[in-house]
Amino acid sequence: TGCTWGKSKEREQYNSLHQYYKKGPFDLIPSEHKSARFKFALVRDPLKRVISFFQNKVLDEQKLVNAQEKLEKAGLIVDPSFDFFVEHLETYREAWAPIKDHTNTLVSHLGDDCKIYSSLRDISESQKLLNEISTVVGRDLIAPVRGASRPQIKVDSISENSLKKIQKYYEADYDIYGSYFK
């Protein structure tokens, strides 16, 4: 349930906002950008991120079929249960780059010091952040239209082992950014 990408002349060769807006590890960001006047980020509970990725890319869009050969070479399956996916998360991440991109830690994207941000908000507060940015830039900004939500995997249906594994894997994210998660 991401934002509607929408096509424009400028962006027509890109399939998604991830291709258009390049992202990378926090430590590769030039220092002059790290010292910008207004720094902001949206964060999301890693458990919710993994559930969303699994629901959207694995179940709804069946994207793992695109990497079937790579996954099978790694001893993985293209139609895993959520618990199987989490149990083998590291292997899935190594086997196919889009999984790695969508399940990287927040620390790898945002660094390990949340105090450097002028505004840090949970993704559920994206409109509040947009209002703050509008104030900073001096004009109203309009958020993209969100796609229709589909029923998500319920947290209480996830095994205790999967919950523990996600908490351990994203431990630094929970330690550093956890107070911002809703």
N, C-alpha and C. Protein backbone atom coordinates (compact mmCIF):
# COMPACT_ATOMS: atom_id res chain seq x y z
N THR A 1 0.84 -1.18 0.00
CA THR A 1 0.00 0.00 0.00
C THR A 1 0.88 1.24 0.00
N GLY A 2 1.57 1.46 -1.08
CA GLY A 2 2.43 2.61 -1.17
C GLY A 2 1.72 3.76 -1.83
N CYS A 3 2.48 4.77 -2.18
CA CYS A 3 1.92 5.93 -2.84
C CYS A 3 1.79 5.65 -4.33
N THR A 4 0.79 6.25 -4.95
CA THR A 4 0.64 6.14 -6.38
C THR A 4 1.78 6.91 -7.02
N TRP A 5 2.54 6.26 -7.89
CA TRP A 5 3.73 6.86 -8.47
C TRP A 5 3.34 7.92 -9.49
N GLY A 6 2.47 7.62 -10.39
CA GLY A 6 2.07 8.60 -11.39
C GLY A 6 3.20 8.91 -12.36
N LYS A 7 2.90 9.04 -13.60
CA LYS A 7 3.92 9.29 -14.62
C LYS A 7 3.96 10.76 -14.98
N SER A 8 5.14 11.23 -15.29
CA SER A 8 5.31 12.57 -15.83
C SER A 8 6.40 12.47 -16.89
N LYS A 9 6.51 13.47 -17.71
CA LYS A 9 7.53 13.47 -18.77
C LYS A 9 8.92 13.28 -18.17
N GLU A 10 9.18 13.97 -17.07
CA GLU A 10 10.48 13.92 -16.40
C GLU A 10 10.80 12.53 -15.85
N ARG A 11 9.76 11.80 -15.41
CA ARG A 11 9.98 10.53 -14.74
C ARG A 11 9.60 9.31 -15.58
N GLU A 12 9.31 9.50 -16.87
CA GLU A 12 8.73 8.40 -17.65
C GLU A 12 9.63 7.18 -17.77
N GLN A 13 10.95 7.32 -17.66
CA GLN A 13 11.82 6.16 -17.78
C GLN A 13 11.97 5.39 -16.46
N TYR A 14 11.36 5.87 -15.40
CA TYR A 14 11.46 5.22 -14.10
C TYR A 14 10.17 4.47 -13.79
N ASN A 15 10.29 3.30 -13.18
CA ASN A 15 9.13 2.50 -12.82
C ASN A 15 8.62 2.80 -11.42
N SER A 16 9.45 3.40 -10.60
CA SER A 16 9.04 3.66 -9.23
C SER A 16 9.80 4.84 -8.67
N LEU A 17 9.30 5.36 -7.56
CA LEU A 17 9.98 6.47 -6.91
C LEU A 17 11.34 6.04 -6.37
N HIS A 18 11.53 4.73 -6.10
CA HIS A 18 12.82 4.25 -5.60
C HIS A 18 13.91 4.36 -6.67
N GLN A 19 13.53 4.24 -7.94
CA GLN A 19 14.50 4.40 -9.02
C GLN A 19 14.79 5.89 -9.26
N TYR A 20 13.77 6.72 -9.12
CA TYR A 20 13.91 8.15 -9.38
C TYR A 20 14.70 8.84 -8.27
N TYR A 21 14.30 8.58 -7.03
CA TYR A 21 14.99 9.16 -5.89
C TYR A 21 15.97 8.14 -5.36
N LYS A 22 17.21 8.28 -5.73
CA LYS A 22 18.22 7.32 -5.31
C LYS A 22 18.41 7.39 -3.80
N LYS A 23 18.58 6.23 -3.22
CA LYS A 23 18.83 6.15 -1.79
C LYS A 23 20.06 5.29 -1.59
N GLY A 24 20.62 5.37 -0.43
CA GLY A 24 21.78 4.56 -0.16
C GLY A 24 22.11 4.58 1.30
N PRO A 25 23.16 3.88 1.66
CA PRO A 25 23.56 3.84 3.06
C PRO A 25 23.87 5.24 3.59
N PHE A 26 23.48 5.46 4.82
CA PHE A 26 23.66 6.76 5.46
C PHE A 26 25.10 7.22 5.39
N ASP A 27 26.05 6.32 5.58
CA ASP A 27 27.45 6.72 5.62
C ASP A 27 27.99 7.16 4.25
N LEU A 28 27.23 6.98 3.17
CA LEU A 28 27.66 7.45 1.85
C LEU A 28 27.11 8.84 1.51
N ILE A 29 26.30 9.40 2.38
CA ILE A 29 25.73 10.72 2.15
C ILE A 29 26.82 11.77 2.39
N PRO A 30 27.02 12.68 1.43
CA PRO A 30 28.04 13.71 1.61
C PRO A 30 27.79 14.53 2.88
N SER A 31 28.84 14.91 3.55
CA SER A 31 28.72 15.60 4.84
C SER A 31 27.94 16.91 4.73
N GLU A 32 28.03 17.61 3.57
CA GLU A 32 27.29 18.88 3.45
C GLU A 32 25.78 18.64 3.48
N HIS A 33 25.33 17.47 3.08
CA HIS A 33 23.90 17.15 3.16
C HIS A 33 23.52 16.78 4.59
N LYS A 34 24.43 16.20 5.33
CA LYS A 34 24.14 15.83 6.72
C LYS A 34 24.00 17.06 7.60
N SER A 35 24.58 18.18 7.17
CA SER A 35 24.50 19.38 7.99
C SER A 35 23.42 20.34 7.48
N ALA A 36 22.50 19.86 6.64
CA ALA A 36 21.42 20.69 6.12
C ALA A 36 20.61 21.30 7.26
N ARG A 37 19.98 22.43 6.98
CA ARG A 37 19.24 23.16 8.01
C ARG A 37 18.06 22.38 8.58
N PHE A 38 17.27 21.78 7.72
CA PHE A 38 16.09 21.03 8.18
C PHE A 38 16.21 19.60 7.69
N LYS A 39 16.47 18.70 8.60
CA LYS A 39 16.62 17.29 8.26
C LYS A 39 15.43 16.54 8.81
N PHE A 40 14.86 15.69 7.99
CA PHE A 40 13.66 14.98 8.42
C PHE A 40 13.70 13.54 7.91
N ALA A 41 12.92 12.72 8.55
CA ALA A 41 12.79 11.33 8.11
C ALA A 41 11.47 10.76 8.62
N LEU A 42 10.93 9.85 7.85
CA LEU A 42 9.80 9.05 8.28
C LEU A 42 10.34 7.68 8.66
N VAL A 43 9.86 7.14 9.75
CA VAL A 43 10.30 5.82 10.18
C VAL A 43 9.08 4.92 10.32
N ARG A 44 9.34 3.64 10.36
CA ARG A 44 8.27 2.66 10.52
C ARG A 44 8.80 1.50 11.33
N ASP A 45 7.98 1.00 12.22
CA ASP A 45 8.34 -0.16 13.03
C ASP A 45 8.83 -1.27 12.08
N PRO A 46 10.02 -1.81 12.31
CA PRO A 46 10.55 -2.84 11.43
C PRO A 46 9.61 -4.03 11.24
N LEU A 47 8.91 -4.42 12.28
CA LEU A 47 7.96 -5.53 12.14
C LEU A 47 6.89 -5.16 11.11
N LYS A 48 6.37 -3.94 11.19
CA LYS A 48 5.36 -3.50 10.22
C LYS A 48 5.95 -3.40 8.82
N ARG A 49 7.22 -2.99 8.72
CA ARG A 49 7.87 -2.92 7.40
C ARG A 49 8.00 -4.30 6.79
N VAL A 50 8.44 -5.27 7.57
CA VAL A 50 8.61 -6.63 7.05
C VAL A 50 7.24 -7.22 6.67
N ILE A 51 6.24 -7.01 7.51
CA ILE A 51 4.89 -7.49 7.19
C ILE A 51 4.41 -6.86 5.89
N SER A 52 4.58 -5.55 5.75
CA SER A 52 4.13 -4.83 4.57
C SER A 52 4.85 -5.34 3.32
N PHE A 53 6.17 -5.50 3.40
CA PHE A 53 6.92 -6.03 2.26
C PHE A 53 6.40 -7.41 1.90
N PHE A 54 6.26 -8.28 2.89
CA PHE A 54 5.82 -9.64 2.63
C PHE A 54 4.42 -9.64 2.01
N GLN A 55 3.51 -8.88 2.62
CA GLN A 55 2.13 -8.82 2.11
C GLN A 55 2.10 -8.32 0.67
N ASN A 56 2.80 -7.21 0.42
CA ASN A 56 2.74 -6.56 -0.88
C ASN A 56 3.53 -7.30 -1.95
N LYS A 57 4.78 -7.55 -1.69
CA LYS A 57 5.67 -8.10 -2.73
C LYS A 57 5.62 -9.62 -2.84
N VAL A 58 5.46 -10.30 -1.73
CA VAL A 58 5.49 -11.77 -1.75
C VAL A 58 4.09 -12.34 -2.02
N LEU A 59 3.10 -11.89 -1.25
CA LEU A 59 1.75 -12.45 -1.41
C LEU A 59 0.98 -11.82 -2.57
N ASP A 60 0.81 -10.48 -2.53
CA ASP A 60 -0.05 -9.82 -3.51
C ASP A 60 0.55 -9.81 -4.92
N GLU A 61 1.79 -9.40 -5.03
CA GLU A 61 2.41 -9.25 -6.36
C GLU A 61 3.23 -10.48 -6.78
N GLN A 62 3.46 -11.40 -5.87
CA GLN A 62 4.21 -12.63 -6.13
C GLN A 62 5.55 -12.35 -6.83
N LYS A 63 6.27 -11.36 -6.32
CA LYS A 63 7.53 -10.93 -6.92
C LYS A 63 8.66 -11.96 -6.79
N LEU A 64 8.57 -12.86 -5.82
CA LEU A 64 9.65 -13.83 -5.66
C LEU A 64 9.79 -14.76 -6.86
N VAL A 65 8.73 -14.88 -7.65
CA VAL A 65 8.80 -15.70 -8.87
C VAL A 65 9.87 -15.14 -9.80
N ASN A 66 10.09 -13.82 -9.77
CA ASN A 66 11.12 -13.18 -10.60
C ASN A 66 12.53 -13.66 -10.25
N ALA A 67 12.70 -14.15 -9.06
CA ALA A 67 14.02 -14.59 -8.60
C ALA A 67 14.03 -16.09 -8.27
N GLN A 68 13.12 -16.83 -8.87
CA GLN A 68 12.95 -18.24 -8.52
C GLN A 68 14.26 -19.02 -8.59
N GLU A 69 15.01 -18.86 -9.67
CA GLU A 69 16.26 -19.62 -9.83
C GLU A 69 17.26 -19.29 -8.72
N LYS A 70 17.44 -18.00 -8.45
CA LYS A 70 18.37 -17.58 -7.39
C LYS A 70 17.92 -18.11 -6.03
N LEU A 71 16.63 -18.00 -5.77
CA LEU A 71 16.12 -18.43 -4.47
C LEU A 71 16.26 -19.94 -4.30
N GLU A 72 15.92 -20.68 -5.33
CA GLU A 72 16.03 -22.14 -5.23
C GLU A 72 17.47 -22.59 -5.06
N LYS A 73 18.41 -21.89 -5.72
CA LYS A 73 19.84 -22.19 -5.53
C LYS A 73 20.26 -21.99 -4.09
N ALA A 74 19.61 -21.04 -3.43
CA ALA A 74 19.91 -20.74 -2.02
C ALA A 74 19.10 -21.63 -1.07
N GLY A 75 18.32 -22.56 -1.63
CA GLY A 75 17.52 -23.45 -0.79
C GLY A 75 16.24 -22.82 -0.28
N LEU A 76 15.76 -21.80 -0.97
CA LEU A 76 14.56 -21.08 -0.55
C LEU A 76 13.39 -21.37 -1.49
N ILE A 77 12.19 -21.00 -1.05
CA ILE A 77 11.01 -21.20 -1.87
C ILE A 77 10.39 -19.86 -2.23
N VAL A 78 9.62 -19.84 -3.34
CA VAL A 78 9.04 -18.58 -3.82
C VAL A 78 7.67 -18.28 -3.21
N ASP A 79 7.10 -19.23 -2.49
CA ASP A 79 5.81 -19.00 -1.86
C ASP A 79 5.85 -19.36 -0.37
N PRO A 80 6.75 -18.71 0.36
CA PRO A 80 6.92 -19.05 1.77
C PRO A 80 5.78 -18.54 2.64
N SER A 81 5.62 -19.18 3.79
CA SER A 81 4.78 -18.59 4.82
C SER A 81 5.56 -17.41 5.42
N PHE A 82 4.87 -16.56 6.14
CA PHE A 82 5.57 -15.43 6.77
C PHE A 82 6.63 -15.94 7.73
N ASP A 83 6.31 -16.95 8.52
CA ASP A 83 7.28 -17.47 9.48
C ASP A 83 8.50 -18.07 8.79
N PHE A 84 8.30 -18.77 7.69
CA PHE A 84 9.44 -19.32 6.94
C PHE A 84 10.30 -18.18 6.39
N PHE A 85 9.64 -17.16 5.86
CA PHE A 85 10.36 -16.00 5.31
C PHE A 85 11.23 -15.36 6.39
N VAL A 86 10.66 -15.13 7.56
CA VAL A 86 11.41 -14.50 8.64
C VAL A 86 12.53 -15.42 9.13
N GLU A 87 12.23 -16.69 9.25
CA GLU A 87 13.25 -17.65 9.71
C GLU A 87 14.47 -17.64 8.79
N HIS A 88 14.25 -17.39 7.52
CA HIS A 88 15.33 -17.40 6.52
C HIS A 88 15.58 -16.01 5.93
N LEU A 89 15.25 -14.98 6.69
CA LEU A 89 15.34 -13.61 6.19
C LEU A 89 16.73 -13.27 5.66
N GLU A 90 17.79 -13.61 6.39
CA GLU A 90 19.14 -13.27 5.93
C GLU A 90 19.45 -13.92 4.59
N THR A 91 19.03 -15.16 4.41
CA THR A 91 19.30 -15.86 3.16
C THR A 91 18.48 -15.26 2.02
N TYR A 92 17.22 -14.92 2.28
CA TYR A 92 16.42 -14.23 1.27
C TYR A 92 17.06 -12.90 0.90
N ARG A 93 17.55 -12.16 1.89
CA ARG A 93 18.18 -10.87 1.64
C ARG A 93 19.40 -11.01 0.74
N GLU A 94 20.20 -12.03 0.99
CA GLU A 94 21.40 -12.24 0.20
C GLU A 94 21.08 -12.76 -1.21
N ALA A 95 19.98 -13.48 -1.33
CA ALA A 95 19.64 -14.10 -2.60
C ALA A 95 19.05 -13.13 -3.62
N TRP A 96 18.38 -12.08 -3.13
CA TRP A 96 17.70 -11.18 -4.08
C TRP A 96 17.72 -9.75 -3.55
N ALA A 97 18.34 -8.85 -4.30
CA ALA A 97 18.55 -7.47 -3.87
C ALA A 97 17.28 -6.71 -3.47
N PRO A 98 16.15 -6.84 -4.18
CA PRO A 98 14.96 -6.09 -3.74
C PRO A 98 14.52 -6.44 -2.31
N ILE A 99 14.74 -7.65 -1.89
CA ILE A 99 14.40 -8.01 -0.51
C ILE A 99 15.33 -7.27 0.43
N LYS A 100 16.60 -7.25 0.09
CA LYS A 100 17.58 -6.54 0.93
C LYS A 100 17.22 -5.05 1.00
N ASP A 101 16.89 -4.45 -0.14
CA ASP A 101 16.54 -3.02 -0.17
C ASP A 101 15.36 -2.70 0.74
N HIS A 102 14.35 -3.55 0.74
CA HIS A 102 13.13 -3.28 1.50
C HIS A 102 13.21 -3.70 2.96
N THR A 103 14.23 -4.45 3.31
CA THR A 103 14.32 -4.92 4.69
C THR A 103 15.59 -4.46 5.39
N ASN A 104 16.31 -3.51 4.79
CA ASN A 104 17.48 -2.95 5.45
C ASN A 104 17.07 -2.29 6.76
N THR A 105 18.01 -2.16 7.64
CA THR A 105 17.73 -1.51 8.92
C THR A 105 17.58 0.01 8.72
N LEU A 106 16.84 0.63 9.60
CA LEU A 106 16.73 2.08 9.58
C LEU A 106 18.09 2.71 9.83
N VAL A 107 18.87 2.11 10.71
CA VAL A 107 20.20 2.63 11.03
C VAL A 107 21.06 2.71 9.77
N SER A 108 20.94 1.72 8.88
CA SER A 108 21.74 1.75 7.66
C SER A 108 21.31 2.90 6.74
N HIS A 109 20.05 3.31 6.82
CA HIS A 109 19.56 4.41 5.98
C HIS A 109 19.67 5.77 6.67
N LEU A 110 19.46 5.80 7.98
CA LEU A 110 19.34 7.08 8.69
C LEU A 110 20.47 7.38 9.66
N GLY A 111 21.35 6.42 9.88
CA GLY A 111 22.43 6.61 10.83
C GLY A 111 22.01 6.22 12.23
N ASP A 112 22.93 6.33 13.15
CA ASP A 112 22.67 5.85 14.51
C ASP A 112 22.48 6.98 15.52
N ASP A 113 22.19 8.18 15.02
CA ASP A 113 21.94 9.32 15.92
C ASP A 113 20.65 10.02 15.50
N CYS A 114 19.58 9.71 16.18
CA CYS A 114 18.29 10.31 15.82
C CYS A 114 18.22 11.79 16.15
N LYS A 115 19.15 12.28 16.94
CA LYS A 115 19.14 13.69 17.35
C LYS A 115 19.54 14.64 16.22
N ILE A 116 20.10 14.11 15.13
CA ILE A 116 20.50 14.99 14.03
C ILE A 116 19.31 15.48 13.21
N TYR A 117 18.14 14.89 13.44
CA TYR A 117 16.97 15.23 12.63
C TYR A 117 16.15 16.35 13.27
N SER A 118 15.75 17.28 12.44
CA SER A 118 14.87 18.35 12.89
C SER A 118 13.48 17.79 13.18
N SER A 119 13.07 16.84 12.37
CA SER A 119 11.77 16.20 12.54
C SER A 119 11.89 14.73 12.17
N LEU A 120 11.44 13.91 13.07
CA LEU A 120 11.46 12.46 12.88
C LEU A 120 10.07 11.97 13.24
N ARG A 121 9.40 11.34 12.31
CA ARG A 121 8.01 10.94 12.55
C ARG A 121 7.77 9.53 12.04
N ASP A 122 6.82 8.88 12.70
CA ASP A 122 6.34 7.59 12.22
C ASP A 122 5.60 7.83 10.90
N ILE A 123 5.64 6.86 10.03
CA ILE A 123 5.00 6.99 8.72
C ILE A 123 3.51 7.33 8.84
N SER A 124 2.89 6.92 9.93
CA SER A 124 1.47 7.23 10.13
C SER A 124 1.25 8.73 10.35
N GLU A 125 2.32 9.47 10.62
CA GLU A 125 2.25 10.92 10.82
C GLU A 125 2.82 11.68 9.63
N SER A 126 2.77 11.08 8.45
CA SER A 126 3.38 11.72 7.29
C SER A 126 2.74 13.07 6.95
N GLN A 127 1.44 13.22 7.21
CA GLN A 127 0.79 14.51 6.93
C GLN A 127 1.34 15.59 7.86
N LYS A 128 1.60 15.25 9.12
CA LYS A 128 2.18 16.22 10.05
C LYS A 128 3.56 16.66 9.57
N LEU A 129 4.34 15.69 9.09
CA LEU A 129 5.67 16.03 8.57
C LEU A 129 5.54 16.91 7.34
N LEU A 130 4.62 16.58 6.46
CA LEU A 130 4.41 17.39 5.26
C LEU A 130 4.04 18.82 5.64
N ASN A 131 3.22 18.98 6.66
CA ASN A 131 2.87 20.33 7.14
C ASN A 131 4.10 21.07 7.65
N GLU A 132 4.98 20.36 8.38
CA GLU A 132 6.22 20.99 8.86
C GLU A 132 7.10 21.43 7.70
N ILE A 133 7.24 20.57 6.71
CA ILE A 133 8.07 20.89 5.55
C ILE A 133 7.46 22.07 4.79
N SER A 134 6.14 22.08 4.68
CA SER A 134 5.46 23.20 4.01
C SER A 134 5.80 24.51 4.70
N THR A 135 5.82 24.50 6.03
CA THR A 135 6.17 25.70 6.80
C THR A 135 7.61 26.11 6.50
N VAL A 136 8.51 25.15 6.45
CA VAL A 136 9.93 25.45 6.21
C VAL A 136 10.14 26.02 4.81
N VAL A 137 9.49 25.45 3.81
CA VAL A 137 9.71 25.92 2.43
C VAL A 137 8.82 27.10 2.05
N GLY A 138 7.83 27.39 2.90
CA GLY A 138 7.00 28.56 2.66
C GLY A 138 5.91 28.38 1.63
N ARG A 139 5.51 27.17 1.38
CA ARG A 139 4.38 26.93 0.47
C ARG A 139 3.74 25.59 0.81
N ASP A 140 2.47 25.48 0.45
CA ASP A 140 1.75 24.23 0.72
C ASP A 140 2.24 23.12 -0.20
N LEU A 141 2.51 21.98 0.38
CA LEU A 141 2.91 20.80 -0.38
C LEU A 141 1.77 19.80 -0.33
N ILE A 142 1.61 19.06 -1.40
CA ILE A 142 0.52 18.08 -1.48
C ILE A 142 1.12 16.69 -1.49
N ALA A 143 0.59 15.83 -0.64
CA ALA A 143 1.07 14.45 -0.56
C ALA A 143 0.50 13.63 -1.71
N PRO A 144 1.27 12.65 -2.20
CA PRO A 144 0.74 11.75 -3.22
C PRO A 144 -0.46 10.98 -2.68
N VAL A 145 -1.29 10.52 -3.57
CA VAL A 145 -2.46 9.74 -3.18
C VAL A 145 -2.01 8.34 -2.79
N ARG A 146 -2.49 7.87 -1.65
CA ARG A 146 -2.13 6.54 -1.19
C ARG A 146 -2.98 5.49 -1.87
N GLY A 147 -2.37 4.33 -2.10
CA GLY A 147 -3.12 3.22 -2.69
C GLY A 147 -4.10 2.65 -1.68
N ALA A 148 -5.01 1.87 -2.17
CA ALA A 148 -6.01 1.25 -1.30
C ALA A 148 -5.35 0.23 -0.38
N SER A 149 -5.70 0.25 0.87
CA SER A 149 -5.14 -0.70 1.83
C SER A 149 -5.80 -2.06 1.67
N ARG A 150 -4.99 -3.09 1.81
CA ARG A 150 -5.48 -4.46 1.80
C ARG A 150 -5.35 -5.00 3.21
N PRO A 151 -6.11 -6.00 3.54
CA PRO A 151 -5.96 -6.60 4.87
C PRO A 151 -4.52 -7.06 5.07
N GLN A 152 -3.96 -6.72 6.19
CA GLN A 152 -2.57 -7.07 6.49
C GLN A 152 -2.51 -8.31 7.39
N ILE A 153 -1.35 -8.93 7.37
CA ILE A 153 -1.09 -10.02 8.30
C ILE A 153 -1.18 -9.43 9.70
N LYS A 154 -1.87 -10.09 10.57
CA LYS A 154 -2.05 -9.62 11.95
C LYS A 154 -0.85 -10.03 12.80
N VAL A 155 -0.38 -9.10 13.61
CA VAL A 155 0.78 -9.36 14.47
C VAL A 155 0.52 -10.56 15.38
N ASP A 156 -0.70 -10.70 15.87
CA ASP A 156 -0.97 -11.82 16.78
C ASP A 156 -1.00 -13.18 16.08
N SER A 157 -0.91 -13.18 14.74
CA SER A 157 -0.84 -14.45 14.02
C SER A 157 0.59 -14.89 13.74
N ILE A 158 1.54 -14.05 14.12
CA ILE A 158 2.95 -14.34 13.87
C ILE A 158 3.52 -15.13 15.03
N SER A 159 4.33 -16.12 14.72
CA SER A 159 4.88 -16.97 15.77
C SER A 159 5.81 -16.17 16.68
N GLU A 160 5.94 -16.65 17.89
CA GLU A 160 6.84 -16.03 18.88
C GLU A 160 8.28 -16.02 18.35
N ASN A 161 8.68 -17.11 17.68
CA ASN A 161 10.04 -17.18 17.12
C ASN A 161 10.28 -16.09 16.08
N SER A 162 9.29 -15.85 15.21
CA SER A 162 9.44 -14.81 14.20
C SER A 162 9.51 -13.43 14.83
N LEU A 163 8.67 -13.18 15.83
CA LEU A 163 8.71 -11.90 16.52
C LEU A 163 10.07 -11.67 17.16
N LYS A 164 10.59 -12.69 17.84
CA LYS A 164 11.90 -12.56 18.49
C LYS A 164 13.00 -12.33 17.46
N LYS A 165 12.92 -13.04 16.34
CA LYS A 165 13.96 -12.89 15.32
C LYS A 165 13.96 -11.47 14.75
N ILE A 166 12.78 -10.93 14.47
CA ILE A 166 12.70 -9.56 13.95
C ILE A 166 13.19 -8.57 14.99
N GLN A 167 12.80 -8.75 16.24
CA GLN A 167 13.26 -7.85 17.29
C GLN A 167 14.78 -7.88 17.43
N LYS A 168 15.36 -9.06 17.32
CA LYS A 168 16.81 -9.18 17.42
C LYS A 168 17.52 -8.58 16.20
N TYR A 169 17.00 -8.90 15.02
CA TYR A 169 17.63 -8.42 13.78
C TYR A 169 17.61 -6.89 13.72
N TYR A 170 16.51 -6.29 14.15
CA TYR A 170 16.35 -4.84 14.10
C TYR A 170 16.55 -4.19 15.47
N GLU A 171 17.31 -4.81 16.31
CA GLU A 171 17.51 -4.33 17.68
C GLU A 171 17.98 -2.88 17.73
N ALA A 172 18.94 -2.52 16.90
CA ALA A 172 19.44 -1.14 16.90
C ALA A 172 18.35 -0.16 16.47
N ASP A 173 17.52 -0.56 15.50
CA ASP A 173 16.42 0.30 15.08
C ASP A 173 15.45 0.56 16.24
N TYR A 174 15.12 -0.50 16.96
CA TYR A 174 14.21 -0.35 18.10
C TYR A 174 14.85 0.50 19.19
N ASP A 175 16.16 0.31 19.42
CA ASP A 175 16.85 1.09 20.45
C ASP A 175 16.90 2.58 20.09
N ILE A 176 17.23 2.89 18.85
CA ILE A 176 17.47 4.28 18.45
C ILE A 176 16.19 4.99 18.01
N TYR A 177 15.35 4.32 17.25
CA TYR A 177 14.17 4.97 16.67
C TYR A 177 12.85 4.48 17.26
N GLY A 178 12.90 3.54 18.17
CA GLY A 178 11.69 2.92 18.71
C GLY A 178 10.69 3.87 19.34
N SER A 179 11.16 4.93 19.94
CA SER A 179 10.23 5.87 20.59
C SER A 179 9.38 6.63 19.57
N TYR A 180 9.73 6.56 18.29
CA TYR A 180 8.96 7.24 17.25
C TYR A 180 7.93 6.34 16.60
N PHE A 181 8.02 5.03 16.82
CA PHE A 181 7.08 4.09 16.19
C PHE A 181 5.71 4.20 16.84
N LYS A 182 4.68 4.14 16.02
CA LYS A 182 3.30 4.16 16.50
C LYS A 182 2.71 2.77 16.42
